[in-house]
Amino acid sequence: MSLKITEDCINCDVCEPECPNGAISQGEEIYVIDPNLCTECVGHYNEPQCQQVCPVDCIPLDPEHVESKDQLHEKYLKISGQA
C-alpha cells in the first residue's frame, strides 16, 4: 500500500529528502506522494522513512493504493532497475 500525505502537512520539508525512491514532491499546497514510486521503503529500510521523520504524523497508508509487501518489493525492483 502506498502512503499519502494528509492536509495536516505543515510543509516542514523533512520528508522529501528521506524518500529513497523520490516519491515525495512539493504539491500545490502540501507535499504529495506519487503512488507509482512509493514502496513504503521496502527494499531500502524496515520502516517508511517519511513516517519516521514527520513531526505532525500526517503520512498514513493510502487506502486507494492497496499493495502487498510482495507487490511493493516488485515495484522496488522495477524502480531500482533490478527487474
N, C-alpha and C. Protein backbone atom coordinates (compact mmCIF):
# COMPACT_ATOMS: atom_id res chain seq x y z
N MET A 1 0.85 -1.17 0.00
CA MET A 1 0.00 0.00 0.00
C MET A 1 0.90 1.23 0.00
N SER A 2 0.60 2.13 -0.83
CA SER A 2 1.32 3.38 -0.88
C SER A 2 0.94 4.23 0.34
N LEU A 3 1.75 5.22 0.60
CA LEU A 3 1.45 6.18 1.66
C LEU A 3 0.89 7.44 1.03
N LYS A 4 0.28 8.29 1.85
CA LYS A 4 -0.20 9.58 1.36
C LYS A 4 0.05 10.62 2.44
N ILE A 5 0.10 11.86 2.02
CA ILE A 5 0.29 12.96 2.95
C ILE A 5 -1.04 13.69 3.07
N THR A 6 -1.49 13.88 4.30
CA THR A 6 -2.80 14.50 4.53
C THR A 6 -2.68 16.02 4.59
N GLU A 7 -3.83 16.66 4.67
CA GLU A 7 -3.88 18.12 4.73
C GLU A 7 -3.29 18.68 6.03
N ASP A 8 -2.94 17.81 6.96
CA ASP A 8 -2.29 18.25 8.19
C ASP A 8 -0.82 18.61 7.98
N CYS A 9 -0.31 18.36 6.78
CA CYS A 9 1.08 18.66 6.44
C CYS A 9 1.38 20.13 6.70
N ILE A 10 2.54 20.40 7.33
CA ILE A 10 2.94 21.77 7.63
C ILE A 10 4.08 22.25 6.71
N ASN A 11 4.37 21.49 5.65
CA ASN A 11 5.42 21.86 4.69
C ASN A 11 6.77 22.10 5.36
N CYS A 12 7.13 21.23 6.27
CA CYS A 12 8.37 21.41 7.00
C CYS A 12 9.60 20.93 6.22
N ASP A 13 9.39 20.24 5.11
CA ASP A 13 10.47 19.80 4.21
C ASP A 13 11.32 18.64 4.71
N VAL A 14 10.96 17.97 5.80
CA VAL A 14 11.83 16.90 6.29
C VAL A 14 11.60 15.56 5.60
N CYS A 15 10.42 15.34 5.05
CA CYS A 15 10.12 14.03 4.45
C CYS A 15 10.74 13.85 3.06
N GLU A 16 10.73 14.89 2.25
CA GLU A 16 11.17 14.76 0.85
C GLU A 16 12.57 14.18 0.71
N PRO A 17 13.59 14.68 1.41
CA PRO A 17 14.93 14.11 1.23
C PRO A 17 15.10 12.71 1.80
N GLU A 18 14.17 12.28 2.64
CA GLU A 18 14.26 10.95 3.24
C GLU A 18 13.78 9.84 2.32
N CYS A 19 13.01 10.18 1.28
CA CYS A 19 12.44 9.15 0.40
C CYS A 19 13.49 8.61 -0.56
N PRO A 20 13.82 7.32 -0.45
CA PRO A 20 14.85 6.75 -1.32
C PRO A 20 14.41 6.57 -2.77
N ASN A 21 13.11 6.66 -3.03
CA ASN A 21 12.59 6.47 -4.38
C ASN A 21 12.22 7.79 -5.07
N GLY A 22 12.37 8.90 -4.38
CA GLY A 22 11.99 10.19 -4.96
C GLY A 22 10.49 10.33 -5.17
N ALA A 23 9.70 9.65 -4.33
CA ALA A 23 8.25 9.66 -4.49
C ALA A 23 7.58 10.90 -3.91
N ILE A 24 8.29 11.65 -3.08
CA ILE A 24 7.70 12.81 -2.41
C ILE A 24 8.15 14.09 -3.11
N SER A 25 7.17 14.95 -3.38
CA SER A 25 7.48 16.24 -4.00
C SER A 25 6.51 17.30 -3.49
N GLN A 26 6.87 18.54 -3.72
CA GLN A 26 6.01 19.65 -3.30
C GLN A 26 4.82 19.73 -4.23
N GLY A 27 3.62 19.66 -3.68
CA GLY A 27 2.40 19.81 -4.46
C GLY A 27 1.99 21.27 -4.48
N GLU A 28 0.76 21.51 -4.90
CA GLU A 28 0.27 22.89 -4.97
C GLU A 28 0.21 23.55 -3.59
N GLU A 29 -0.22 22.79 -2.58
CA GLU A 29 -0.34 23.37 -1.24
C GLU A 29 0.50 22.63 -0.21
N ILE A 30 0.59 21.32 -0.34
CA ILE A 30 1.35 20.50 0.60
C ILE A 30 2.18 19.50 -0.18
N TYR A 31 3.05 18.79 0.52
CA TYR A 31 3.82 17.73 -0.13
C TYR A 31 2.89 16.60 -0.54
N VAL A 32 3.26 15.89 -1.60
CA VAL A 32 2.46 14.78 -2.11
C VAL A 32 3.37 13.58 -2.35
N ILE A 33 2.77 12.40 -2.37
CA ILE A 33 3.49 11.16 -2.62
C ILE A 33 2.96 10.54 -3.90
N ASP A 34 3.85 10.23 -4.83
CA ASP A 34 3.49 9.55 -6.07
C ASP A 34 3.33 8.07 -5.76
N PRO A 35 2.11 7.53 -5.85
CA PRO A 35 1.89 6.12 -5.51
C PRO A 35 2.62 5.16 -6.44
N ASN A 36 3.00 5.63 -7.62
CA ASN A 36 3.75 4.78 -8.55
C ASN A 36 5.21 4.61 -8.14
N LEU A 37 5.69 5.46 -7.25
CA LEU A 37 7.07 5.38 -6.79
C LEU A 37 7.20 4.98 -5.33
N CYS A 38 6.11 5.06 -4.57
CA CYS A 38 6.17 4.74 -3.14
C CYS A 38 6.16 3.23 -2.93
N THR A 39 7.17 2.75 -2.21
CA THR A 39 7.24 1.33 -1.84
C THR A 39 7.21 1.16 -0.33
N GLU A 40 6.83 2.22 0.40
CA GLU A 40 6.88 2.22 1.86
C GLU A 40 8.29 1.89 2.34
N CYS A 41 9.27 2.22 1.52
CA CYS A 41 10.70 1.99 1.76
C CYS A 41 11.08 0.51 1.71
N VAL A 42 10.17 -0.36 1.25
CA VAL A 42 10.51 -1.77 1.06
C VAL A 42 11.69 -1.84 0.09
N GLY A 43 12.69 -2.62 0.44
CA GLY A 43 13.90 -2.73 -0.36
C GLY A 43 15.01 -1.81 0.12
N HIS A 44 14.65 -0.81 0.90
CA HIS A 44 15.63 0.14 1.42
C HIS A 44 15.73 0.08 2.94
N TYR A 45 14.58 0.16 3.61
CA TYR A 45 14.53 0.24 5.07
C TYR A 45 13.40 -0.64 5.60
N ASN A 46 13.42 -0.89 6.90
CA ASN A 46 12.37 -1.69 7.53
C ASN A 46 11.10 -0.90 7.78
N GLU A 47 11.22 0.42 7.87
CA GLU A 47 10.08 1.30 8.15
C GLU A 47 10.08 2.45 7.15
N PRO A 48 8.90 2.95 6.79
CA PRO A 48 8.85 4.12 5.91
C PRO A 48 9.55 5.32 6.57
N GLN A 49 10.57 5.82 5.92
CA GLN A 49 11.36 6.89 6.50
C GLN A 49 10.59 8.20 6.65
N CYS A 50 9.69 8.49 5.72
CA CYS A 50 8.92 9.73 5.83
C CYS A 50 8.07 9.73 7.09
N GLN A 51 7.48 8.57 7.42
CA GLN A 51 6.68 8.48 8.64
C GLN A 51 7.56 8.67 9.88
N GLN A 52 8.78 8.18 9.81
CA GLN A 52 9.68 8.27 10.96
C GLN A 52 10.07 9.71 11.28
N VAL A 53 10.20 10.56 10.25
CA VAL A 53 10.67 11.93 10.48
C VAL A 53 9.55 12.96 10.55
N CYS A 54 8.35 12.61 10.18
CA CYS A 54 7.25 13.58 10.14
C CYS A 54 6.88 14.05 11.56
N PRO A 55 6.99 15.35 11.81
CA PRO A 55 6.71 15.85 13.17
C PRO A 55 5.22 15.96 13.49
N VAL A 56 4.35 15.89 12.49
CA VAL A 56 2.91 16.02 12.75
C VAL A 56 2.14 14.74 12.45
N ASP A 57 2.84 13.66 12.15
CA ASP A 57 2.21 12.36 11.92
C ASP A 57 1.08 12.44 10.89
N CYS A 58 1.40 12.98 9.71
CA CYS A 58 0.37 13.17 8.68
C CYS A 58 0.59 12.29 7.46
N ILE A 59 1.27 11.13 7.63
CA ILE A 59 1.55 10.27 6.49
C ILE A 59 1.03 8.85 6.76
N PRO A 60 -0.28 8.65 6.58
CA PRO A 60 -0.87 7.31 6.78
C PRO A 60 -0.80 6.47 5.51
N LEU A 61 -1.24 5.23 5.63
CA LEU A 61 -1.40 4.37 4.46
C LEU A 61 -2.51 4.94 3.58
N ASP A 62 -2.37 4.77 2.28
CA ASP A 62 -3.37 5.28 1.33
C ASP A 62 -4.29 4.13 0.92
N PRO A 63 -5.52 4.11 1.42
CA PRO A 63 -6.44 3.01 1.11
C PRO A 63 -6.81 2.92 -0.37
N GLU A 64 -6.51 3.96 -1.14
CA GLU A 64 -6.80 3.93 -2.58
C GLU A 64 -5.71 3.23 -3.38
N HIS A 65 -4.60 2.90 -2.73
CA HIS A 65 -3.49 2.24 -3.41
C HIS A 65 -2.99 1.07 -2.57
N VAL A 66 -3.81 0.03 -2.48
CA VAL A 66 -3.52 -1.14 -1.66
C VAL A 66 -2.55 -2.06 -2.41
N GLU A 67 -1.44 -2.39 -1.73
CA GLU A 67 -0.44 -3.30 -2.29
C GLU A 67 0.11 -4.17 -1.16
N SER A 68 0.43 -5.42 -1.49
CA SER A 68 1.04 -6.32 -0.51
C SER A 68 2.54 -6.02 -0.43
N LYS A 69 3.20 -6.57 0.57
CA LYS A 69 4.66 -6.41 0.70
C LYS A 69 5.35 -6.99 -0.54
N ASP A 70 4.84 -8.09 -1.07
CA ASP A 70 5.43 -8.68 -2.29
C ASP A 70 5.29 -7.73 -3.48
N GLN A 71 4.13 -7.10 -3.61
CA GLN A 71 3.92 -6.14 -4.69
C GLN A 71 4.83 -4.92 -4.52
N LEU A 72 4.99 -4.46 -3.29
CA LEU A 72 5.88 -3.33 -3.03
C LEU A 72 7.32 -3.70 -3.36
N HIS A 73 7.72 -4.94 -3.06
CA HIS A 73 9.07 -5.39 -3.37
C HIS A 73 9.27 -5.46 -4.89
N GLU A 74 8.29 -5.95 -5.61
CA GLU A 74 8.37 -5.99 -7.08
C GLU A 74 8.49 -4.57 -7.65
N LYS A 75 7.74 -3.64 -7.09
CA LYS A 75 7.82 -2.25 -7.53
C LYS A 75 9.22 -1.69 -7.26
N TYR A 76 9.76 -2.01 -6.08
CA TYR A 76 11.13 -1.58 -5.74
C TYR A 76 12.13 -2.12 -6.76
N LEU A 77 12.00 -3.40 -7.12
CA LEU A 77 12.93 -3.99 -8.08
C LEU A 77 12.84 -3.27 -9.44
N LYS A 78 11.64 -2.93 -9.88
CA LYS A 78 11.47 -2.22 -11.15
C LYS A 78 12.06 -0.81 -11.09
N ILE A 79 11.75 -0.09 -10.00
CA ILE A 79 12.24 1.28 -9.83
C ILE A 79 13.76 1.31 -9.79
N SER A 80 14.35 0.33 -9.10
CA SER A 80 15.81 0.31 -8.92
C SER A 80 16.54 -0.34 -10.09
N GLY A 81 15.79 -0.79 -11.10
CA GLY A 81 16.40 -1.39 -12.27
C GLY A 81 16.91 -2.81 -12.08
N GLN A 82 16.40 -3.47 -11.05
CA GLN A 82 16.83 -4.84 -10.76
C GLN A 82 15.88 -5.90 -11.31
N ALA A 83 14.82 -5.46 -11.96
CA ALA A 83 13.85 -6.43 -12.51
C ALA A 83 13.90 -6.43 -14.01
